[in-house]
Amino acid sequence: MSVVNEWAFIGVFMAVSWVFPTLPLVMSWLFRPKRPNAIKVATYECGVETVGDTWVQFKVQYYLYGLVFLVFDVELVFLFPWALAYNQLGLFQFLAGVVFIALLAEALIYAMRKNALEWA
């Protein structure tokens, strides 16, 4: 491969990484209501008219649950390949996985001690 071909992959990656976030923005601008009126901008929820105040405030606790779930979900992505290659691991890789699991356990214990996982 020549140097130009090697840089072509980076150029294509940069172009795609620019197009993917820009495309939804352009599409939403193209398909927005051109002449908004009360009917077009009204909230539609299953064909039922809303009654009363529709502004509902969520407790911060729900966001904390979401963040804890996200952290442990992302860490699962790292643990899955480690578990698949468990039989072929050397001592260093095995100990790295054990330390990683220990950090997960420590984070879970910390969240439990701070009552981050309590509903009330």
PDB file of N, CA and C in Angstrom:
ATOM      1  N   MET A   1       0.830  -1.178   0.000  1.00  0.00           N
ATOM      2  CA  MET A   1       0.000   0.000   0.000  1.00  0.00           C
ATOM      3  C   MET A   1       0.875   1.241   0.000  1.00  0.00           C
ATOM      4  N   SER A   2       0.451   2.206  -0.736  1.00  0.00           N
ATOM      5  CA  SER A   2       1.208   3.453  -0.749  1.00  0.00           C
ATOM      6  C   SER A   2       0.741   4.345   0.397  1.00  0.00           C
ATOM      7  N   VAL A   3       1.488   5.410   0.611  1.00  0.00           N
ATOM      8  CA  VAL A   3       1.162   6.335   1.693  1.00  0.00           C
ATOM      9  C   VAL A   3      -0.180   7.012   1.440  1.00  0.00           C
ATOM     10  N   VAL A   4      -0.490   7.292   0.168  1.00  0.00           N
ATOM     11  CA  VAL A   4      -1.755   7.947  -0.167  1.00  0.00           C
ATOM     12  C   VAL A   4      -2.930   7.042   0.199  1.00  0.00           C
ATOM     13  N   ASN A   5      -2.812   5.752  -0.087  1.00  0.00           N
ATOM     14  CA  ASN A   5      -3.891   4.822   0.246  1.00  0.00           C
ATOM     15  C   ASN A   5      -4.088   4.688   1.756  1.00  0.00           C
ATOM     16  N   GLU A   6      -2.988   4.742   2.501  1.00  0.00           N
ATOM     17  CA  GLU A   6      -3.110   4.659   3.952  1.00  0.00           C
ATOM     18  C   GLU A   6      -3.834   5.881   4.505  1.00  0.00           C
ATOM     19  N   TRP A   7      -3.549   7.052   3.961  1.00  0.00           N
ATOM     20  CA  TRP A   7      -4.214   8.279   4.413  1.00  0.00           C
ATOM     21  C   TRP A   7      -5.643   8.363   3.890  1.00  0.00           C
ATOM     22  N   ALA A   8      -5.953   7.628   2.831  1.00  0.00           N
ATOM     23  CA  ALA A   8      -7.316   7.644   2.298  1.00  0.00           C
ATOM     24  C   ALA A   8      -8.296   7.058   3.311  1.00  0.00           C
ATOM     25  N   PHE A   9      -7.874   6.028   4.044  1.00  0.00           N
ATOM     26  CA  PHE A   9      -8.738   5.455   5.071  1.00  0.00           C
ATOM     27  C   PHE A   9      -9.066   6.486   6.151  1.00  0.00           C
ATOM     28  N   ILE A  10      -8.073   7.252   6.538  1.00  0.00           N
ATOM     29  CA  ILE A  10      -8.301   8.283   7.553  1.00  0.00           C
ATOM     30  C   ILE A  10      -9.217   9.364   7.003  1.00  0.00           C
ATOM     31  N   GLY A  11      -9.034   9.728   5.737  1.00  0.00           N
ATOM     32  CA  GLY A  11      -9.904  10.727   5.120  1.00  0.00           C
ATOM     33  C   GLY A  11     -11.345  10.257   5.039  1.00  0.00           C
ATOM     34  N   VAL A  12     -11.544   9.003   4.671  1.00  0.00           N
ATOM     35  CA  VAL A  12     -12.903   8.453   4.606  1.00  0.00           C
ATOM     36  C   VAL A  12     -13.511   8.412   6.009  1.00  0.00           C
ATOM     37  N   PHE A  13     -12.725   8.009   6.988  1.00  0.00           N
ATOM     38  CA  PHE A  13     -13.210   7.980   8.368  1.00  0.00           C
ATOM     39  C   PHE A  13     -13.605   9.375   8.840  1.00  0.00           C
ATOM     40  N   MET A  14     -12.796  10.377   8.530  1.00  0.00           N
ATOM     41  CA  MET A  14     -13.111  11.757   8.923  1.00  0.00           C
ATOM     42  C   MET A  14     -14.385  12.231   8.230  1.00  0.00           C
ATOM     43  N   ALA A  15     -14.543  11.905   6.952  1.00  0.00           N
ATOM     44  CA  ALA A  15     -15.738  12.328   6.221  1.00  0.00           C
ATOM     45  C   ALA A  15     -16.988  11.667   6.802  1.00  0.00           C
ATOM     46  N   VAL A  16     -16.907  10.387   7.075  1.00  0.00           N
ATOM     47  CA  VAL A  16     -18.061   9.675   7.632  1.00  0.00           C
ATOM     48  C   VAL A  16     -18.371  10.188   9.037  1.00  0.00           C
ATOM     49  N   SER A  17     -17.329  10.452   9.828  1.00  0.00           N
ATOM     50  CA  SER A  17     -17.567  10.955  11.180  1.00  0.00           C
ATOM     51  C   SER A  17     -18.127  12.368  11.169  1.00  0.00           C
ATOM     52  N   TRP A  18     -17.996  13.077  10.098  1.00  0.00           N
ATOM     53  CA  TRP A  18     -18.608  14.399   9.965  1.00  0.00           C
ATOM     54  C   TRP A  18     -20.035  14.284   9.427  1.00  0.00           C
ATOM     55  N   VAL A  19     -20.265  13.352   8.515  1.00  0.00           N
ATOM     56  CA  VAL A  19     -21.578  13.225   7.875  1.00  0.00           C
ATOM     57  C   VAL A  19     -22.617  12.671   8.848  1.00  0.00           C
ATOM     58  N   PHE A  20     -22.265  11.659   9.647  1.00  0.00           N
ATOM     59  CA  PHE A  20     -23.254  11.026  10.523  1.00  0.00           C
ATOM     60  C   PHE A  20     -23.879  11.989  11.533  1.00  0.00           C
ATOM     61  N   PRO A  21     -23.138  12.846  12.216  1.00  0.00           N
ATOM     62  CA  PRO A  21     -23.830  13.778  13.114  1.00  0.00           C
ATOM     63  C   PRO A  21     -24.521  14.917  12.382  1.00  0.00           C
ATOM     64  N   THR A  22     -24.027  15.283  11.205  1.00  0.00           N
ATOM     65  CA  THR A  22     -24.602  16.408  10.479  1.00  0.00           C
ATOM     66  C   THR A  22     -25.891  16.016   9.769  1.00  0.00           C
ATOM     67  N   LEU A  23     -25.983  14.803   9.290  1.00  0.00           N
ATOM     68  CA  LEU A  23     -27.142  14.359   8.528  1.00  0.00           C
ATOM     69  C   LEU A  23     -28.464  14.488   9.304  1.00  0.00           C
ATOM     70  N   PRO A  24     -28.566  14.051  10.558  1.00  0.00           N
ATOM     71  CA  PRO A  24     -29.836  14.237  11.273  1.00  0.00           C
ATOM     72  C   PRO A  24     -30.205  15.707  11.467  1.00  0.00           C
ATOM     73  N   LEU A  25     -29.213  16.553  11.666  1.00  0.00           N
ATOM     74  CA  LEU A  25     -29.506  17.977  11.825  1.00  0.00           C
ATOM     75  C   LEU A  25     -30.069  18.571  10.545  1.00  0.00           C
ATOM     76  N   VAL A  26     -29.472  18.210   9.422  1.00  0.00           N
ATOM     77  CA  VAL A  26     -29.953  18.721   8.135  1.00  0.00           C
ATOM     78  C   VAL A  26     -31.334  18.159   7.831  1.00  0.00           C
ATOM     79  N   MET A  27     -31.544  16.874   8.097  1.00  0.00           N
ATOM     80  CA  MET A  27     -32.847  16.263   7.824  1.00  0.00           C
ATOM     81  C   MET A  27     -33.943  16.890   8.695  1.00  0.00           C
ATOM     82  N   SER A  28     -33.647  17.164   9.959  1.00  0.00           N
ATOM     83  CA  SER A  28     -34.663  17.787  10.809  1.00  0.00           C
ATOM     84  C   SER A  28     -34.959  19.207  10.350  1.00  0.00           C
ATOM     85  N   TRP A  29     -33.975  19.893   9.821  1.00  0.00           N
ATOM     86  CA  TRP A  29     -34.209  21.236   9.300  1.00  0.00           C
ATOM     87  C   TRP A  29     -35.055  21.176   8.027  1.00  0.00           C
ATOM     88  N   LEU A  30     -34.812  20.178   7.180  1.00  0.00           N
ATOM     89  CA  LEU A  30     -35.572  20.054   5.937  1.00  0.00           C
ATOM     90  C   LEU A  30     -37.028  19.664   6.184  1.00  0.00           C
ATOM     91  N   PHE A  31     -37.274  18.790   7.145  1.00  0.00           N
ATOM     92  CA  PHE A  31     -38.619  18.267   7.359  1.00  0.00           C
ATOM     93  C   PHE A  31     -39.364  18.933   8.514  1.00  0.00           C
ATOM     94  N   ARG A  32     -38.892  20.049   8.989  1.00  0.00           N
ATOM     95  CA  ARG A  32     -39.586  20.764  10.059  1.00  0.00           C
ATOM     96  C   ARG A  32     -40.871  21.381   9.525  1.00  0.00           C
ATOM     97  N   PRO A  33     -41.784  21.762  10.396  1.00  0.00           N
ATOM     98  CA  PRO A  33     -42.992  22.453   9.930  1.00  0.00           C
ATOM     99  C   PRO A  33     -42.622  23.813   9.339  1.00  0.00           C
ATOM    100  N   LYS A  34     -43.009  24.028   8.097  1.00  0.00           N
ATOM    101  CA  LYS A  34     -42.632  25.277   7.420  1.00  0.00           C
ATOM    102  C   LYS A  34     -43.473  26.456   7.898  1.00  0.00           C
ATOM    103  N   ARG A  35     -44.758  26.203   8.086  1.00  0.00           N
ATOM    104  CA  ARG A  35     -45.665  27.256   8.565  1.00  0.00           C
ATOM    105  C   ARG A  35     -46.318  26.765   9.854  1.00  0.00           C
ATOM    106  N   PRO A  36     -45.652  26.943  10.960  1.00  0.00           N
ATOM    107  CA  PRO A  36     -46.215  26.405  12.201  1.00  0.00           C
ATOM    108  C   PRO A  36     -47.481  27.141  12.620  1.00  0.00           C
ATOM    109  N   ASN A  37     -48.445  26.374  13.091  1.00  0.00           N
ATOM    110  CA  ASN A  37     -49.645  26.935  13.700  1.00  0.00           C
ATOM    111  C   ASN A  37     -49.961  26.096  14.937  1.00  0.00           C
ATOM    112  N   ALA A  38     -51.020  26.416  15.615  1.00  0.00           N
ATOM    113  CA  ALA A  38     -51.321  25.753  16.886  1.00  0.00           C
ATOM    114  C   ALA A  38     -51.539  24.253  16.721  1.00  0.00           C
ATOM    115  N   ILE A  39     -52.131  23.837  15.629  1.00  0.00           N
ATOM    116  CA  ILE A  39     -52.404  22.408  15.430  1.00  0.00           C
ATOM    117  C   ILE A  39     -51.123  21.649  15.095  1.00  0.00           C
ATOM    118  N   LYS A  40     -50.262  22.236  14.260  1.00  0.00           N
ATOM    119  CA  LYS A  40     -49.047  21.538  13.856  1.00  0.00           C
ATOM    120  C   LYS A  40     -48.050  21.374  15.001  1.00  0.00           C
ATOM    121  N   VAL A  41     -47.985  22.321  15.894  1.00  0.00           N
ATOM    122  CA  VAL A  41     -47.005  22.232  16.974  1.00  0.00           C
ATOM    123  C   VAL A  41     -47.593  21.654  18.257  1.00  0.00           C
ATOM    124  N   ALA A  42     -48.840  21.199  18.230  1.00  0.00           N
ATOM    125  CA  ALA A  42     -49.462  20.611  19.416  1.00  0.00           C
ATOM    126  C   ALA A  42     -48.848  19.242  19.700  1.00  0.00           C
ATOM    127  N   THR A  43     -48.775  18.909  20.967  1.00  0.00           N
ATOM    128  CA  THR A  43     -48.242  17.612  21.364  1.00  0.00           C
ATOM    129  C   THR A  43     -49.278  16.535  21.091  1.00  0.00           C
ATOM    130  N   TYR A  44     -48.847  15.462  20.442  1.00  0.00           N
ATOM    131  CA  TYR A  44     -49.742  14.355  20.109  1.00  0.00           C
ATOM    132  C   TYR A  44     -49.321  13.153  20.934  1.00  0.00           C
ATOM    133  N   GLU A  45     -50.212  12.690  21.785  1.00  0.00           N
ATOM    134  CA  GLU A  45     -49.916  11.522  22.603  1.00  0.00           C
ATOM    135  C   GLU A  45     -51.028  10.503  22.439  1.00  0.00           C
ATOM    136  N   CYS A  46     -50.883   9.604  21.532  1.00  0.00           N
ATOM    137  CA  CYS A  46     -51.813   8.498  21.317  1.00  0.00           C
ATOM    138  C   CYS A  46     -53.230   8.970  21.016  1.00  0.00           C
ATOM    139  N   GLY A  47     -53.388  10.138  20.467  1.00  0.00           N
ATOM    140  CA  GLY A  47     -54.701  10.622  20.099  1.00  0.00           C
ATOM    141  C   GLY A  47     -55.525  11.145  21.253  1.00  0.00           C
ATOM    142  N   VAL A  48     -54.941  11.238  22.436  1.00  0.00           N
ATOM    143  CA  VAL A  48     -55.677  11.686  23.611  1.00  0.00           C
ATOM    144  C   VAL A  48     -55.235  13.104  23.948  1.00  0.00           C
ATOM    145  N   GLU A  49     -56.201  13.971  24.150  1.00  0.00           N
ATOM    146  CA  GLU A  49     -55.886  15.337  24.557  1.00  0.00           C
ATOM    147  C   GLU A  49     -55.341  15.322  25.983  1.00  0.00           C
ATOM    148  N   THR A  50     -54.325  16.107  26.219  1.00  0.00           N
ATOM    149  CA  THR A  50     -53.764  16.169  27.561  1.00  0.00           C
ATOM    150  C   THR A  50     -54.672  16.986  28.466  1.00  0.00           C
ATOM    151  N   VAL A  51     -54.742  16.564  29.714  1.00  0.00           N
ATOM    152  CA  VAL A  51     -55.585  17.240  30.695  1.00  0.00           C
ATOM    153  C   VAL A  51     -54.684  17.744  31.812  1.00  0.00           C
ATOM    154  N   GLY A  52     -54.812  19.002  32.147  1.00  0.00           N
ATOM    155  CA  GLY A  52     -54.031  19.555  33.243  1.00  0.00           C
ATOM    156  C   GLY A  52     -52.609  19.873  32.814  1.00  0.00           C
ATOM    157  N   ASP A  53     -51.764  20.025  33.812  1.00  0.00           N
ATOM    158  CA  ASP A  53     -50.368  20.370  33.565  1.00  0.00           C
ATOM    159  C   ASP A  53     -49.612  19.130  33.097  1.00  0.00           C
ATOM    160  N   THR A  54     -48.953  19.219  31.976  1.00  0.00           N
ATOM    161  CA  THR A  54     -48.217  18.068  31.447  1.00  0.00           C
ATOM    162  C   THR A  54     -46.746  18.097  31.829  1.00  0.00           C
ATOM    163  N   TRP A  55     -46.326  19.109  32.546  1.00  0.00           N
ATOM    164  CA  TRP A  55     -44.934  19.193  32.972  1.00  0.00           C
ATOM    165  C   TRP A  55     -44.755  18.325  34.211  1.00  0.00           C
ATOM    166  N   VAL A  56     -43.961  17.272  34.080  1.00  0.00           N
ATOM    167  CA  VAL A  56     -43.710  16.365  35.185  1.00  0.00           C
ATOM    168  C   VAL A  56     -42.233  16.438  35.517  1.00  0.00           C
ATOM    169  N   GLN A  57     -41.932  16.679  36.782  1.00  0.00           N
ATOM    170  CA  GLN A  57     -40.546  16.746  37.194  1.00  0.00           C
ATOM    171  C   GLN A  57     -40.119  15.376  37.707  1.00  0.00           C
ATOM    172  N   PHE A  58     -39.019  14.867  37.170  1.00  0.00           N
ATOM    173  CA  PHE A  58     -38.503  13.582  37.602  1.00  0.00           C
ATOM    174  C   PHE A  58     -37.510  13.793  38.734  1.00  0.00           C
ATOM    175  N   LYS A  59     -37.477  12.840  39.638  1.00  0.00           N
ATOM    176  CA  LYS A  59     -36.522  12.924  40.730  1.00  0.00           C
ATOM    177  C   LYS A  59     -35.116  12.698  40.187  1.00  0.00           C
ATOM    178  N   VAL A  60     -34.152  13.323  40.816  1.00  0.00           N
ATOM    179  CA  VAL A  60     -32.759  13.165  40.416  1.00  0.00           C
ATOM    180  C   VAL A  60     -32.309  11.726  40.633  1.00  0.00           C
ATOM    181  N   GLN A  61     -32.965  11.032  41.529  1.00  0.00           N
ATOM    182  CA  GLN A  61     -32.614   9.648  41.830  1.00  0.00           C
ATOM    183  C   GLN A  61     -32.677   8.765  40.578  1.00  0.00           C
ATOM    184  N   TYR A  62     -33.613   9.018  39.692  1.00  0.00           N
ATOM    185  CA  TYR A  62     -33.728   8.213  38.477  1.00  0.00           C
ATOM    186  C   TYR A  62     -32.507   8.400  37.581  1.00  0.00           C
ATOM    187  N   TYR A  63     -31.997   9.616  37.519  1.00  0.00           N
ATOM    188  CA  TYR A  63     -30.809   9.865  36.715  1.00  0.00           C
ATOM    189  C   TYR A  63     -29.594   9.172  37.319  1.00  0.00           C
ATOM    190  N   LEU A  64     -29.540   9.125  38.637  1.00  0.00           N
ATOM    191  CA  LEU A  64     -28.443   8.442  39.302  1.00  0.00           C
ATOM    192  C   LEU A  64     -28.474   6.948  38.997  1.00  0.00           C
ATOM    193  N   TYR A  65     -29.680   6.366  38.996  1.00  0.00           N
ATOM    194  CA  TYR A  65     -29.804   4.960  38.595  1.00  0.00           C
ATOM    195  C   TYR A  65     -29.328   4.768  37.160  1.00  0.00           C
ATOM    196  N   GLY A  66     -29.688   5.689  36.291  1.00  0.00           N
ATOM    197  CA  GLY A  66     -29.260   5.600  34.898  1.00  0.00           C
ATOM    198  C   GLY A  66     -27.753   5.666  34.758  1.00  0.00           C
ATOM    199  N   LEU A  67     -27.113   6.546  35.510  1.00  0.00           N
ATOM    200  CA  LEU A  67     -25.657   6.658  35.443  1.00  0.00           C
ATOM    201  C   LEU A  67     -24.974   5.408  35.978  1.00  0.00           C
ATOM    202  N   VAL A  68     -25.477   4.875  37.085  1.00  0.00           N
ATOM    203  CA  VAL A  68     -24.886   3.649  37.635  1.00  0.00           C
ATOM    204  C   VAL A  68     -25.058   2.503  36.650  1.00  0.00           C
ATOM    205  N   PHE A  69     -26.239   2.402  36.040  1.00  0.00           N
ATOM    206  CA  PHE A  69     -26.461   1.361  35.037  1.00  0.00           C
ATOM    207  C   PHE A  69     -25.507   1.532  33.862  1.00  0.00           C
ATOM    208  N   LEU A  70     -25.333   2.762  33.402  1.00  0.00           N
ATOM    209  CA  LEU A  70     -24.465   3.018  32.259  1.00  0.00           C
ATOM    210  C   LEU A  70     -23.022   2.636  32.560  1.00  0.00           C
ATOM    211  N   VAL A  71     -22.552   2.965  33.744  1.00  0.00           N
ATOM    212  CA  VAL A  71     -21.175   2.625  34.122  1.00  0.00           C
ATOM    213  C   VAL A  71     -20.982   1.117  34.114  1.00  0.00           C
ATOM    214  N   PHE A  72     -21.898   0.388  34.734  1.00  0.00           N
ATOM    215  CA  PHE A  72     -21.734  -1.063  34.798  1.00  0.00           C
ATOM    216  C   PHE A  72     -21.994  -1.727  33.449  1.00  0.00           C
ATOM    217  N   ASP A  73     -22.810  -1.131  32.619  1.00  0.00           N
ATOM    218  CA  ASP A  73     -23.054  -1.674  31.285  1.00  0.00           C
ATOM    219  C   ASP A  73     -21.818  -1.524  30.408  1.00  0.00           C
ATOM    220  N   VAL A  74     -21.167  -0.392  30.479  1.00  0.00           N
ATOM    221  CA  VAL A  74     -19.946  -0.182  29.690  1.00  0.00           C
ATOM    222  C   VAL A  74     -18.837  -1.098  30.193  1.00  0.00           C
ATOM    223  N   GLU A  75     -18.760  -1.296  31.482  1.00  0.00           N
ATOM    224  CA  GLU A  75     -17.732  -2.182  32.018  1.00  0.00           C
ATOM    225  C   GLU A  75     -17.985  -3.632  31.618  1.00  0.00           C
ATOM    226  N   LEU A  76     -19.235  -3.990  31.399  1.00  0.00           N
ATOM    227  CA  LEU A  76     -19.548  -5.334  30.923  1.00  0.00           C
ATOM    228  C   LEU A  76     -18.974  -5.570  29.526  1.00  0.00           C
ATOM    229  N   VAL A  77     -18.923  -4.522  28.729  1.00  0.00           N
ATOM    230  CA  VAL A  77     -18.340  -4.637  27.387  1.00  0.00           C
ATOM    231  C   VAL A  77     -16.867  -5.024  27.483  1.00  0.00           C
ATOM    232  N   PHE A  78     -16.179  -4.548  28.516  1.00  0.00           N
ATOM    233  CA  PHE A  78     -14.777  -4.911  28.697  1.00  0.00           C
ATOM    234  C   PHE A  78     -14.617  -6.298  29.307  1.00  0.00           C
ATOM    235  N   LEU A  79     -15.563  -6.706  30.133  1.00  0.00           N
ATOM    236  CA  LEU A  79     -15.455  -8.012  30.782  1.00  0.00           C
ATOM    237  C   LEU A  79     -15.816  -9.172  29.862  1.00  0.00           C
ATOM    238  N   PHE A  80     -16.682  -8.949  28.894  1.00  0.00           N
ATOM    239  CA  PHE A  80     -17.132 -10.036  28.028  1.00  0.00           C
ATOM    240  C   PHE A  80     -15.978 -10.667  27.237  1.00  0.00           C
ATOM    241  N   PRO A  81     -15.127  -9.886  26.546  1.00  0.00           N
ATOM    242  CA  PRO A  81     -14.000 -10.528  25.845  1.00  0.00           C
ATOM    243  C   PRO A  81     -13.019 -11.192  26.808  1.00  0.00           C
ATOM    244  N   TRP A  82     -12.848 -10.613  27.979  1.00  0.00           N
ATOM    245  CA  TRP A  82     -11.956 -11.216  28.969  1.00  0.00           C
ATOM    246  C   TRP A  82     -12.479 -12.583  29.393  1.00  0.00           C
ATOM    247  N   ALA A  83     -13.790 -12.694  29.571  1.00  0.00           N
ATOM    248  CA  ALA A  83     -14.383 -13.967  29.971  1.00  0.00           C
ATOM    249  C   ALA A  83     -14.295 -14.997  28.845  1.00  0.00           C
ATOM    250  N   LEU A  84     -14.412 -14.551  27.603  1.00  0.00           N
ATOM    251  CA  LEU A  84     -14.317 -15.491  26.481  1.00  0.00           C
ATOM    252  C   LEU A  84     -12.909 -16.055  26.327  1.00  0.00           C
ATOM    253  N   ALA A  85     -11.899 -15.243  26.626  1.00  0.00           N
ATOM    254  CA  ALA A  85     -10.509 -15.681  26.471  1.00  0.00           C
ATOM    255  C   ALA A  85      -9.917 -16.149  27.795  1.00  0.00           C
ATOM    256  N   TYR A  86     -10.753 -16.487  28.747  1.00  0.00           N
ATOM    257  CA  TYR A  86     -10.300 -16.823  30.100  1.00  0.00           C
ATOM    258  C   TYR A  86      -9.301 -17.983  30.114  1.00  0.00           C
ATOM    259  N   ASN A  87      -9.528 -19.012  29.323  1.00  0.00           N
ATOM    260  CA  ASN A  87      -8.654 -20.195  29.344  1.00  0.00           C
ATOM    261  C   ASN A  87      -7.285 -19.925  28.737  1.00  0.00           C
ATOM    262  N   GLN A  88      -7.170 -18.949  27.845  1.00  0.00           N
ATOM    263  CA  GLN A  88      -5.903 -18.666  27.176  1.00  0.00           C
ATOM    264  C   GLN A  88      -5.118 -17.530  27.838  1.00  0.00           C
ATOM    265  N   LEU A  89      -5.609 -16.988  28.928  1.00  0.00           N
ATOM    266  CA  LEU A  89      -4.964 -15.830  29.545  1.00  0.00           C
ATOM    267  C   LEU A  89      -3.713 -16.229  30.306  1.00  0.00           C
ATOM    268  N   GLY A  90      -2.741 -15.324  30.264  1.00  0.00           N
ATOM    269  CA  GLY A  90      -1.563 -15.485  31.100  1.00  0.00           C
ATOM    270  C   GLY A  90      -1.844 -14.932  32.486  1.00  0.00           C
ATOM    271  N   LEU A  91      -0.833 -14.982  33.340  1.00  0.00           N
ATOM    272  CA  LEU A  91      -1.005 -14.526  34.712  1.00  0.00           C
ATOM    273  C   LEU A  91      -1.294 -13.026  34.772  1.00  0.00           C
ATOM    274  N   PHE A  92      -0.582 -12.235  33.966  1.00  0.00           N
ATOM    275  CA  PHE A  92      -0.778 -10.779  33.994  1.00  0.00           C
ATOM    276  C   PHE A  92      -2.188 -10.400  33.559  1.00  0.00           C
ATOM    277  N   GLN A  93      -2.677 -11.010  32.486  1.00  0.00           N
ATOM    278  CA  GLN A  93      -4.021 -10.695  32.007  1.00  0.00           C
ATOM    279  C   GLN A  93      -5.083 -11.140  33.017  1.00  0.00           C
ATOM    280  N   PHE A  94      -4.838 -12.283  33.636  1.00  0.00           N
ATOM    281  CA  PHE A  94      -5.773 -12.762  34.650  1.00  0.00           C
ATOM    282  C   PHE A  94      -5.843 -11.798  35.828  1.00  0.00           C
ATOM    283  N   LEU A  95      -4.677 -11.351  36.306  1.00  0.00           N
ATOM    284  CA  LEU A  95      -4.649 -10.421  37.433  1.00  0.00           C
ATOM    285  C   LEU A  95      -5.244  -9.067  37.058  1.00  0.00           C
ATOM    286  N   ALA A  96      -5.050  -8.635  35.820  1.00  0.00           N
ATOM    287  CA  ALA A  96      -5.660  -7.379  35.374  1.00  0.00           C
ATOM    288  C   ALA A  96      -7.178  -7.487  35.411  1.00  0.00           C
ATOM    289  N   GLY A  97      -7.721  -8.616  34.997  1.00  0.00           N
ATOM    290  CA  GLY A  97      -9.167  -8.825  35.060  1.00  0.00           C
ATOM    291  C   GLY A  97      -9.679  -8.875  36.484  1.00  0.00           C
ATOM    292  N   VAL A  98      -8.922  -9.507  37.367  1.00  0.00           N
ATOM    293  CA  VAL A  98      -9.323  -9.583  38.770  1.00  0.00           C
ATOM    294  C   VAL A  98      -9.315  -8.192  39.400  1.00  0.00           C
ATOM    295  N   VAL A  99      -8.305  -7.384  39.090  1.00  0.00           N
ATOM    296  CA  VAL A  99      -8.256  -6.008  39.605  1.00  0.00           C
ATOM    297  C   VAL A  99      -9.435  -5.204  39.064  1.00  0.00           C
ATOM    298  N   PHE A 100      -9.767  -5.405  37.805  1.00  0.00           N
ATOM    299  CA  PHE A 100     -10.899  -4.698  37.198  1.00  0.00           C
ATOM    300  C   PHE A 100     -12.204  -5.074  37.899  1.00  0.00           C
ATOM    301  N   ILE A 101     -12.394  -6.359  38.170  1.00  0.00           N
ATOM    302  CA  ILE A 101     -13.598  -6.805  38.878  1.00  0.00           C
ATOM    303  C   ILE A 101     -13.609  -6.259  40.305  1.00  0.00           C
ATOM    304  N   ALA A 102     -12.434  -6.181  40.943  1.00  0.00           N
ATOM    305  CA  ALA A 102     -12.359  -5.613  42.290  1.00  0.00           C
ATOM    306  C   ALA A 102     -12.751  -4.138  42.280  1.00  0.00           C
ATOM    307  N   LEU A 103     -12.340  -3.408  41.249  1.00  0.00           N
ATOM    308  CA  LEU A 103     -12.743  -2.002  41.130  1.00  0.00           C
ATOM    309  C   LEU A 103     -14.247  -1.881  40.928  1.00  0.00           C
ATOM    310  N   LEU A 104     -14.823  -2.800  40.158  1.00  0.00           N
ATOM    311  CA  LEU A 104     -16.279  -2.809  39.989  1.00  0.00           C
ATOM    312  C   LEU A 104     -16.986  -3.053  41.323  1.00  0.00           C
ATOM    313  N   ALA A 105     -16.482  -4.006  42.069  1.00  0.00           N
ATOM    314  CA  ALA A 105     -17.089  -4.307  43.366  1.00  0.00           C
ATOM    315  C   ALA A 105     -16.957  -3.117  44.309  1.00  0.00           C
ATOM    316  N   GLU A 106     -15.806  -2.459  44.277  1.00  0.00           N
ATOM    317  CA  GLU A 106     -15.611  -1.284  45.128  1.00  0.00           C
ATOM    318  C   GLU A 106     -16.567  -0.158  44.739  1.00  0.00           C
ATOM    319  N   ALA A 107     -16.773   0.048  43.449  1.00  0.00           N
ATOM    320  CA  ALA A 107     -17.708   1.082  42.994  1.00  0.00           C
ATOM    321  C   ALA A 107     -19.133   0.746  43.419  1.00  0.00           C
ATOM    322  N   LEU A 108     -19.503  -0.516  43.350  1.00  0.00           N
ATOM    323  CA  LEU A 108     -20.844  -0.928  43.767  1.00  0.00           C
ATOM    324  C   LEU A 108     -21.034  -0.747  45.272  1.00  0.00           C
ATOM    325  N   ILE A 109     -20.031  -1.119  46.053  1.00  0.00           N
ATOM    326  CA  ILE A 109     -20.110  -0.945  47.506  1.00  0.00           C
ATOM    327  C   ILE A 109     -20.186   0.537  47.858  1.00  0.00           C
ATOM    328  N   TYR A 110     -19.419   1.368  47.169  1.00  0.00           N
ATOM    329  CA  TYR A 110     -19.460   2.817  47.406  1.00  0.00           C
ATOM    330  C   TYR A 110     -20.849   3.379  47.106  1.00  0.00           C
ATOM    331  N   ALA A 111     -21.435   2.950  45.991  1.00  0.00           N
ATOM    332  CA  ALA A 111     -22.776   3.427  45.634  1.00  0.00           C
ATOM    333  C   ALA A 111     -23.804   2.968  46.660  1.00  0.00           C
ATOM    334  N   MET A 112     -23.642   1.769  47.182  1.00  0.00           N
ATOM    335  CA  MET A 112     -24.582   1.268  48.183  1.00  0.00           C
ATOM    336  C   MET A 112     -24.422   2.008  49.509  1.00  0.00           C
ATOM    337  N   ARG A 113     -23.188   2.324  49.890  1.00  0.00           N
ATOM    338  CA  ARG A 113     -22.967   3.045  51.149  1.00  0.00           C
ATOM    339  C   ARG A 113     -23.457   4.484  51.083  1.00  0.00           C
ATOM    340  N   LYS A 114     -23.417   5.075  49.904  1.00  0.00           N
ATOM    341  CA  LYS A 114     -23.910   6.444  49.729  1.00  0.00           C
ATOM    342  C   LYS A 114     -25.420   6.479  49.498  1.00  0.00           C
ATOM    343  N   ASN A 115     -26.069   5.326  49.612  1.00  0.00           N
ATOM    344  CA  ASN A 115     -27.517   5.184  49.384  1.00  0.00           C
ATOM    345  C   ASN A 115     -27.929   5.662  47.995  1.00  0.00           C
ATOM    346  N   ALA A 116     -27.076   5.440  47.033  1.00  0.00           N
ATOM    347  CA  ALA A 116     -27.397   5.830  45.657  1.00  0.00           C
ATOM    348  C   ALA A 116     -28.376   4.857  45.023  1.00  0.00           C
ATOM    349  N   LEU A 117     -28.524   3.682  45.607  1.00  0.00           N
ATOM    350  CA  LEU A 117     -29.407   2.678  45.028  1.00  0.00           C
ATOM    351  C   LEU A 117     -30.698   2.508  45.820  1.00  0.00           C
ATOM    352  N   GLU A 118     -31.019   3.455  46.680  1.00  0.00           N
ATOM    353  CA  GLU A 118     -32.247   3.415  47.474  1.00  0.00           C
ATOM    354  C   GLU A 118     -33.350   4.177  46.763  1.00  0.00           C
ATOM    355  N   TRP A 119     -34.556   3.622  46.740  1.00  0.00           N
ATOM    356  CA  TRP A 119     -35.687   4.285  46.082  1.00  0.00           C
ATOM    357  C   TRP A 119     -36.282   5.378  46.949  1.00  0.00           C
ATOM    358  N   ALA A 120     -36.289   5.190  48.241  1.00  0.00           N
ATOM    359  CA  ALA A 120     -36.987   6.137  49.126  1.00  0.00           C
ATOM    360  C   ALA A 120     -36.187   7.381  49.397  1.00  0.00           C
TER     361      ALA A 120
END
